[in-house]
């Protein structure tokens, strides 16, 4: 099952509703928000927070992979350079024996 698409407007509306609810809870002279809507706003807020956490974990893994790729690239360059140098030495050695 796919997660519903959450827009910035959805987030803004949920945040505003939760702020109004919190003001009421702290004693502001206003009507209490609809409990069903409060529940929906809380679910949306929890989903956004969970996605943010997942996004940070993904970004962290991406940074780690990019760093590893850079290290592997440098190591591979060093191996290639050494291999080429070894082949050159082998070729020079063969020429010296043939002379």
C-alpha atoms as a PDB file:
ATOM      1  CA  UNK A   1       0.000   0.000   0.000  1.00  0.00           C
ATOM      2  CA  UNK A   2       1.425   3.366  -1.019  1.00  0.00           C
ATOM      3  CA  UNK A   3       1.654   6.179   1.504  1.00  0.00           C
ATOM      4  CA  UNK A   4      -0.619   9.113   0.716  1.00  0.00           C
ATOM      5  CA  UNK A   5       0.967  12.134  -0.890  1.00  0.00           C
ATOM      6  CA  UNK A   6       1.402  14.873   1.695  1.00  0.00           C
ATOM      7  CA  UNK A   7       1.625  18.430   0.416  1.00  0.00           C
ATOM      8  CA  UNK A   8       3.173  21.464   2.058  1.00  0.00           C
ATOM      9  CA  UNK A   9      -0.350  22.835   2.487  1.00  0.00           C
ATOM     10  CA  UNK A  10      -1.360  19.645   4.337  1.00  0.00           C
ATOM     11  CA  UNK A  11       1.596  20.068   6.671  1.00  0.00           C
ATOM     12  CA  UNK A  12       0.885  23.771   7.193  1.00  0.00           C
ATOM     13  CA  UNK A  13      -2.808  23.112   7.953  1.00  0.00           C
ATOM     14  CA  UNK A  14      -1.987  20.293  10.387  1.00  0.00           C
ATOM     15  CA  UNK A  15       0.609  22.448  12.155  1.00  0.00           C
ATOM     16  CA  UNK A  16      -1.853  25.336  12.486  1.00  0.00           C
ATOM     17  CA  UNK A  17      -4.574  23.032  13.811  1.00  0.00           C
ATOM     18  CA  UNK A  18      -2.189  21.500  16.355  1.00  0.00           C
ATOM     19  CA  UNK A  19      -1.046  24.952  17.474  1.00  0.00           C
ATOM     20  CA  UNK A  20      -4.663  26.052  17.988  1.00  0.00           C
ATOM     21  CA  UNK A  21      -5.372  22.834  19.875  1.00  0.00           C
ATOM     22  CA  UNK A  22      -2.324  23.366  22.081  1.00  0.00           C
ATOM     23  CA  UNK A  23      -3.401  26.956  22.811  1.00  0.00           C
ATOM     24  CA  UNK A  24      -6.857  25.671  23.818  1.00  0.00           C
ATOM     25  CA  UNK A  25      -5.250  22.945  25.943  1.00  0.00           C
ATOM     26  CA  UNK A  26      -3.227  25.609  27.746  1.00  0.00           C
ATOM     27  CA  UNK A  27      -6.351  27.592  28.565  1.00  0.00           C
ATOM     28  CA  UNK A  28      -6.939  29.967  25.630  1.00  0.00           C
ATOM     29  CA  UNK A  29     -10.505  31.215  25.305  1.00  0.00           C
ATOM     30  CA  UNK A  30     -11.445  29.388  22.108  1.00  0.00           C
ATOM     31  CA  UNK A  31     -13.366  26.337  20.959  1.00  0.00           C
ATOM     32  CA  UNK A  32     -11.654  22.973  21.098  1.00  0.00           C
ATOM     33  CA  UNK A  33     -10.719  21.612  17.683  1.00  0.00           C
ATOM     34  CA  UNK A  34     -12.541  18.560  16.352  1.00  0.00           C
ATOM     35  CA  UNK A  35     -10.942  15.481  18.015  1.00  0.00           C
ATOM     36  CA  UNK A  36     -11.008  13.505  14.755  1.00  0.00           C
ATOM     37  CA  UNK A  37      -9.175  16.316  12.969  1.00  0.00           C
ATOM     38  CA  UNK A  38      -6.684  16.554  15.842  1.00  0.00           C
ATOM     39  CA  UNK A  39      -6.008  12.812  15.443  1.00  0.00           C
ATOM     40  CA  UNK A  40      -5.517  13.177  11.683  1.00  0.00           C
ATOM     41  CA  UNK A  41      -3.149  16.109  12.225  1.00  0.00           C
ATOM     42  CA  UNK A  42      -1.160  14.110  14.791  1.00  0.00           C
ATOM     43  CA  UNK A  43      -0.932  11.139  12.412  1.00  0.00           C
ATOM     44  CA  UNK A  44       0.285  13.431   9.640  1.00  0.00           C
ATOM     45  CA  UNK A  45       2.849  15.069  11.945  1.00  0.00           C
ATOM     46  CA  UNK A  46       4.152  11.658  13.066  1.00  0.00           C
ATOM     47  CA  UNK A  47       4.411  10.528   9.440  1.00  0.00           C
ATOM     48  CA  UNK A  48       6.345  13.655   8.468  1.00  0.00           C
ATOM     49  CA  UNK A  49       8.746  13.186  11.394  1.00  0.00           C
ATOM     50  CA  UNK A  50       9.282   9.518  10.536  1.00  0.00           C
ATOM     51  CA  UNK A  51       9.950  10.379   6.883  1.00  0.00           C
ATOM     52  CA  UNK A  52      12.420  13.079   7.938  1.00  0.00           C
ATOM     53  CA  UNK A  53      14.253  10.517  10.044  1.00  0.00           C
ATOM     54  CA  UNK A  54      14.308   8.050   7.109  1.00  0.00           C
ATOM     55  CA  UNK A  55      15.508  10.804   4.768  1.00  0.00           C
ATOM     56  CA  UNK A  56      18.368  11.636   7.152  1.00  0.00           C
ATOM     57  CA  UNK A  57      19.339   7.958   7.370  1.00  0.00           C
ATOM     58  CA  UNK A  58      19.327   7.728   3.564  1.00  0.00           C
ATOM     59  CA  UNK A  59      21.393  10.923   3.276  1.00  0.00           C
ATOM     60  CA  UNK A  60      23.864   9.557   5.831  1.00  0.00           C
ATOM     61  CA  UNK A  61      24.228   6.312   3.887  1.00  0.00           C
ATOM     62  CA  UNK A  62      24.675   8.270   0.662  1.00  0.00           C
ATOM     63  CA  UNK A  63      27.459  10.367   2.230  1.00  0.00           C
ATOM     64  CA  UNK A  64      29.135   7.211   3.503  1.00  0.00           C
ATOM     65  CA  UNK A  65      28.923   5.542   0.071  1.00  0.00           C
ATOM     66  CA  UNK A  66      30.290   8.625  -1.672  1.00  0.00           C
ATOM     67  CA  UNK A  67      33.228   8.713   0.736  1.00  0.00           C
ATOM     68  CA  UNK A  68      33.846   4.987   0.225  1.00  0.00           C
ATOM     69  CA  UNK A  69      33.615   5.407  -3.547  1.00  0.00           C
ATOM     70  CA  UNK A  70      36.249   8.147  -3.370  1.00  0.00           C
ATOM     71  CA  UNK A  71      38.528   5.960  -1.259  1.00  0.00           C
ATOM     72  CA  UNK A  72      38.043   2.979  -3.570  1.00  0.00           C
ATOM     73  CA  UNK A  73      38.738   5.157  -6.597  1.00  0.00           C
ATOM     74  CA  UNK A  74      42.031   6.321  -5.086  1.00  0.00           C
ATOM     75  CA  UNK A  75      42.981   2.748  -4.169  1.00  0.00           C
ATOM     76  CA  UNK A  76      42.126   1.517  -7.669  1.00  0.00           C
ATOM     77  CA  UNK A  77      44.223   4.314  -9.204  1.00  0.00           C
ATOM     78  CA  UNK A  78      47.152   3.257  -7.012  1.00  0.00           C
ATOM     79  CA  UNK A  79      46.756  -0.413  -8.011  1.00  0.00           C
ATOM     80  CA  UNK A  80      46.613   0.501 -11.710  1.00  0.00           C
ATOM     81  CA  UNK A  81      49.668   2.748 -11.400  1.00  0.00           C
ATOM     82  CA  UNK A  82      51.624  -0.025  -9.650  1.00  0.00           C
ATOM     83  CA  UNK A  83      50.484  -2.608 -12.202  1.00  0.00           C
ATOM     84  CA  UNK A  84      51.534  -0.433 -15.108  1.00  0.00           C
ATOM     85  CA  UNK A  85      54.898   0.210 -13.459  1.00  0.00           C
ATOM     86  CA  UNK A  86      55.367  -3.537 -12.854  1.00  0.00           C
ATOM     87  CA  UNK A  87      54.568  -4.275 -16.509  1.00  0.00           C
ATOM     88  CA  UNK A  88      57.084  -1.639 -17.574  1.00  0.00           C
ATOM     89  CA  UNK A  89      59.738  -3.197 -15.334  1.00  0.00           C
ATOM     90  CA  UNK A  90      58.983  -6.669 -16.697  1.00  0.00           C
ATOM     91  CA  UNK A  91      59.259  -5.377 -20.275  1.00  0.00           C
ATOM     92  CA  UNK A  92      62.571  -3.619 -19.474  1.00  0.00           C
ATOM     93  CA  UNK A  93      63.837  -6.793 -17.839  1.00  0.00           C
ATOM     94  CA  UNK A  94      62.954  -8.886 -20.899  1.00  0.00           C
ATOM     95  CA  UNK A  95      64.700  -6.378 -23.186  1.00  0.00           C
ATOM     96  CA  UNK A  96      67.808  -6.545 -20.992  1.00  0.00           C
ATOM     97  CA  UNK A  97      67.916 -10.339 -21.186  1.00  0.00           C
ATOM     98  CA  UNK A  98      67.359 -10.350 -24.935  1.00  0.00           C
ATOM     99  CA  UNK A  99      70.295  -8.005 -25.553  1.00  0.00           C
END
